Amino acid sequence: MRIRRAMRKKPLRRPVKKPRLKRQRMAQQKKRLVAAGVSEDKLIHMNTKEIRAAIRENRA
């Protein structure tokens, strides 16, 4: 069997990350942190890396 052209161009066929899905993920993570006991005032001042780190800490 031969390797077709479509398979050689694999990186070009990858799906592109969409901003709407990123916003949805961040909203879900914020809701999880609020449910875990993080205050909304503190959550407003957190950036995305801090939010992800806080979720990892709360999961453990």
C-alpha atoms as a PDB file:
ATOM      1  CA  MET A   1       0.000   0.000   0.000  1.00  0.00           C
ATOM      2  CA  ARG A   2       1.177   3.461  -0.756  1.00  0.00           C
ATOM      3  CA  ILE A   3       1.139   6.506   1.483  1.00  0.00           C
ATOM      4  CA  ARG A   4      -1.333   8.948   0.080  1.00  0.00           C
ATOM      5  CA  ARG A   5      -0.774  12.687  -0.140  1.00  0.00           C
ATOM      6  CA  ALA A   6      -3.450  13.410   2.449  1.00  0.00           C
ATOM      7  CA  MET A   7      -1.555  11.419   5.063  1.00  0.00           C
ATOM      8  CA  ARG A   8       1.738  13.179   4.341  1.00  0.00           C
ATOM      9  CA  LYS A   9       0.117  16.553   5.009  1.00  0.00           C
ATOM     10  CA  LYS A  10      -1.059  15.561   8.458  1.00  0.00           C
ATOM     11  CA  PRO A  11      -0.131  18.765  10.372  1.00  0.00           C
ATOM     12  CA  LEU A  12      -2.181  20.808   7.937  1.00  0.00           C
ATOM     13  CA  ARG A  13      -5.278  18.746   8.647  1.00  0.00           C
ATOM     14  CA  ARG A  14      -5.264  19.252  12.403  1.00  0.00           C
ATOM     15  CA  PRO A  15      -8.291  21.079  13.811  1.00  0.00           C
ATOM     16  CA  VAL A  16      -7.716  24.688  14.814  1.00  0.00           C
ATOM     17  CA  LYS A  17      -8.405  25.677  18.408  1.00  0.00           C
ATOM     18  CA  LYS A  18     -11.370  28.013  18.529  1.00  0.00           C
ATOM     19  CA  PRO A  19     -11.650  31.015  20.861  1.00  0.00           C
ATOM     20  CA  ARG A  20     -15.274  30.251  21.762  1.00  0.00           C
ATOM     21  CA  LEU A  21     -14.321  26.821  23.102  1.00  0.00           C
ATOM     22  CA  LYS A  22     -11.490  28.365  25.115  1.00  0.00           C
ATOM     23  CA  ARG A  23     -13.914  30.826  26.713  1.00  0.00           C
ATOM     24  CA  GLN A  24     -16.276  27.954  27.540  1.00  0.00           C
ATOM     25  CA  ARG A  25     -13.450  25.970  29.166  1.00  0.00           C
ATOM     26  CA  MET A  26     -12.406  28.962  31.257  1.00  0.00           C
ATOM     27  CA  ALA A  27     -16.007  29.552  32.363  1.00  0.00           C
ATOM     28  CA  GLN A  28     -16.305  25.892  33.424  1.00  0.00           C
ATOM     29  CA  GLN A  29     -13.052  26.068  35.361  1.00  0.00           C
ATOM     30  CA  LYS A  30     -14.135  29.246  37.143  1.00  0.00           C
ATOM     31  CA  LYS A  31     -17.433  27.605  38.140  1.00  0.00           C
ATOM     32  CA  ARG A  32     -15.504  24.630  39.517  1.00  0.00           C
ATOM     33  CA  LEU A  33     -13.295  26.893  41.607  1.00  0.00           C
ATOM     34  CA  VAL A  34     -16.283  28.820  42.973  1.00  0.00           C
ATOM     35  CA  ALA A  35     -17.880  25.504  43.934  1.00  0.00           C
ATOM     36  CA  ALA A  36     -14.612  24.472  45.599  1.00  0.00           C
ATOM     37  CA  GLY A  37     -14.680  27.572  47.804  1.00  0.00           C
ATOM     38  CA  VAL A  38     -12.563  30.194  45.995  1.00  0.00           C
ATOM     39  CA  SER A  39     -14.106  33.661  46.335  1.00  0.00           C
ATOM     40  CA  GLU A  40     -15.233  35.436  43.169  1.00  0.00           C
ATOM     41  CA  ASP A  41     -13.245  38.550  44.111  1.00  0.00           C
ATOM     42  CA  LYS A  42     -10.053  36.503  44.149  1.00  0.00           C
ATOM     43  CA  LEU A  43     -11.058  34.761  40.914  1.00  0.00           C
ATOM     44  CA  ILE A  44     -11.401  38.071  39.039  1.00  0.00           C
ATOM     45  CA  HIS A  45      -7.727  38.888  39.620  1.00  0.00           C
ATOM     46  CA  MET A  46      -6.407  35.452  38.574  1.00  0.00           C
ATOM     47  CA  ASN A  47      -4.989  34.827  35.109  1.00  0.00           C
ATOM     48  CA  THR A  48      -5.451  31.582  33.161  1.00  0.00           C
ATOM     49  CA  LYS A  49      -2.283  29.916  34.470  1.00  0.00           C
ATOM     50  CA  GLU A  50      -3.250  30.651  38.071  1.00  0.00           C
ATOM     51  CA  ILE A  51      -6.759  29.288  37.493  1.00  0.00           C
ATOM     52  CA  ARG A  52      -5.408  26.022  36.056  1.00  0.00           C
ATOM     53  CA  ALA A  53      -2.942  25.682  38.941  1.00  0.00           C
ATOM     54  CA  ALA A  54      -5.729  26.262  41.473  1.00  0.00           C
ATOM     55  CA  ILE A  55      -7.846  23.539  39.855  1.00  0.00           C
ATOM     56  CA  ARG A  56      -4.935  21.103  40.077  1.00  0.00           C
ATOM     57  CA  GLU A  57      -4.460  21.925  43.774  1.00  0.00           C
ATOM     58  CA  ASN A  58      -8.162  21.498  44.549  1.00  0.00           C
ATOM     59  CA  ARG A  59      -8.357  18.162  42.735  1.00  0.00           C
ATOM     60  CA  ALA A  60      -5.641  16.573  44.865  1.00  0.00           C
END
